[in-house]
């Protein structure tokens, strides 16, 4: 697997040719984070891709729904072997959430990431 690298703000990186691409565990990690941040109905080529953040963040008491959707998305990402830990560490009020995620990929690399969704 090979994907174009992203900057910390989510823009594509350019100017270094093949050095701008991520492979192996780095590509898997980037795909996981990108898929979590993706909104359902936002990608014209696959309207079902992503998470329906607009709907689930507008419902009170939705933490379990958020966790199930993130879990589904992570486990369906190519190269992810298992989720080691998944929890909401921030509030889901005001349509924002902070998710703590730890997963292991097929190369036995373990990543710990925090995803903040406004």
Protein backbone atom coordinates (compact mmCIF):
# COMPACT_ATOMS: atom_id res chain seq x y z
CA UNK A 1 0.00 0.00 0.00
CA UNK A 2 1.21 3.48 -0.86
CA UNK A 3 -0.58 6.78 -0.23
CA UNK A 4 0.28 10.42 -0.74
CA UNK A 5 1.51 11.99 2.47
CA UNK A 6 -0.46 14.64 4.33
CA UNK A 7 0.67 17.62 6.36
CA UNK A 8 -0.47 17.93 10.00
CA UNK A 9 -3.30 20.18 8.79
CA UNK A 10 -4.47 17.55 6.25
CA UNK A 11 -3.11 18.99 3.00
CA UNK A 12 -1.23 16.87 0.46
CA UNK A 13 2.54 17.13 0.53
CA UNK A 14 4.36 17.99 -2.72
CA UNK A 15 7.82 18.71 -4.04
CA UNK A 16 9.80 15.62 -3.08
CA UNK A 17 8.50 13.08 -5.59
CA UNK A 18 8.24 9.55 -4.22
CA UNK A 19 9.51 10.77 -0.83
CA UNK A 20 6.09 12.38 -0.34
CA UNK A 21 4.40 8.98 -0.30
CA UNK A 22 3.80 6.88 2.79
CA UNK A 23 4.08 3.10 2.78
CA UNK A 24 3.53 0.16 5.12
CA UNK A 25 2.54 1.16 8.67
CA UNK A 26 2.69 4.89 7.98
CA UNK A 27 0.20 4.48 5.12
CA UNK A 28 -2.13 2.38 7.28
CA UNK A 29 -2.03 4.94 10.10
CA UNK A 30 -2.79 7.79 7.71
CA UNK A 31 -5.67 5.84 6.14
CA UNK A 32 -7.18 5.14 9.58
CA UNK A 33 -7.07 8.79 10.61
CA UNK A 34 -8.35 10.01 7.24
CA UNK A 35 -11.26 7.55 7.28
CA UNK A 36 -12.25 8.57 10.82
CA UNK A 37 -12.26 12.24 9.82
CA UNK A 38 -14.29 11.58 6.65
CA UNK A 39 -17.96 12.57 6.53
CA UNK A 40 -20.54 10.25 5.02
CA UNK A 41 -22.18 11.57 1.82
CA UNK A 42 -19.17 13.87 1.21
CA UNK A 43 -17.22 11.87 -1.39
CA UNK A 44 -18.92 11.87 -4.79
CA UNK A 45 -17.40 8.54 -5.88
CA UNK A 46 -18.60 6.69 -2.75
CA UNK A 47 -21.43 8.40 -0.90
CA UNK A 48 -21.44 5.66 1.77
CA UNK A 49 -17.77 6.16 2.72
CA UNK A 50 -17.04 7.83 6.03
CA UNK A 51 -19.01 8.33 9.24
CA UNK A 52 -22.34 10.14 9.48
CA UNK A 53 -20.88 12.67 11.93
CA UNK A 54 -23.56 15.29 11.33
CA UNK A 55 -26.35 12.97 12.46
CA UNK A 56 -24.66 11.17 15.35
CA UNK A 57 -23.11 14.30 16.86
CA UNK A 58 -26.54 15.91 17.00
CA UNK A 59 -27.99 13.25 19.34
CA UNK A 60 -27.63 13.31 23.13
CA UNK A 61 -26.16 10.27 24.82
CA UNK A 62 -24.50 9.09 21.64
CA UNK A 63 -21.10 8.02 22.97
CA UNK A 64 -21.68 4.32 22.30
CA UNK A 65 -22.86 5.09 18.75
CA UNK A 66 -19.71 7.17 18.15
CA UNK A 67 -17.50 4.36 19.48
CA UNK A 68 -19.27 1.72 17.34
CA UNK A 69 -18.92 3.83 14.18
CA UNK A 70 -15.23 4.55 14.81
CA UNK A 71 -14.60 0.88 15.63
CA UNK A 72 -16.34 -0.24 12.42
CA UNK A 73 -14.39 2.27 10.34
CA UNK A 74 -11.00 1.39 11.85
CA UNK A 75 -11.50 -2.37 11.55
CA UNK A 76 -12.59 -2.03 7.91
CA UNK A 77 -9.41 -0.13 7.05
CA UNK A 78 -7.02 -2.25 5.01
CA UNK A 79 -4.03 -3.33 7.10
CA UNK A 80 -5.57 -2.94 10.57
CA UNK A 81 -5.33 -6.15 12.54
CA UNK A 82 -7.01 -5.14 15.82
CA UNK A 83 -8.08 -2.27 18.04
CA UNK A 84 -6.26 -2.34 21.37
CA UNK A 85 -8.08 0.59 22.97
CA UNK A 86 -10.81 2.97 21.92
CA UNK A 87 -12.43 5.58 24.12
CA UNK A 88 -13.95 9.02 24.13
CA UNK A 89 -11.78 11.30 26.24
CA UNK A 90 -13.58 14.54 25.40
CA UNK A 91 -17.19 15.57 25.55
CA UNK A 92 -19.63 15.06 22.72
CA UNK A 93 -21.41 18.29 23.55
CA UNK A 94 -21.49 21.09 20.99
CA UNK A 95 -20.95 18.58 18.17
CA UNK A 96 -17.28 17.98 18.97
CA UNK A 97 -15.48 14.93 20.33
CA UNK A 98 -11.98 13.75 21.21
CA UNK A 99 -11.30 10.07 20.60
CA UNK A 100 -8.30 8.14 21.95
CA UNK A 101 -7.37 5.23 19.69
CA UNK A 102 -4.75 2.51 19.90
CA UNK A 103 -4.53 -0.10 17.15
CA UNK A 104 -2.14 -2.73 15.79
CA UNK A 105 -1.51 -3.17 12.08
CA UNK A 106 -0.54 -6.21 10.04
CA UNK A 107 3.15 -5.34 10.46
CA UNK A 108 2.72 -5.62 14.30
CA UNK A 109 3.19 -1.88 14.72
CA UNK A 110 1.03 -0.31 17.42
CA UNK A 111 -0.14 3.28 17.12
CA UNK A 112 -1.69 5.54 19.70
CA UNK A 113 -3.53 8.49 18.24
CA UNK A 114 -5.93 11.15 19.39
CA UNK A 115 -8.54 12.38 16.93
CA UNK A 116 -10.30 15.66 17.62
CA UNK A 117 -13.41 16.30 15.61
CA UNK A 118 -14.92 19.77 15.72
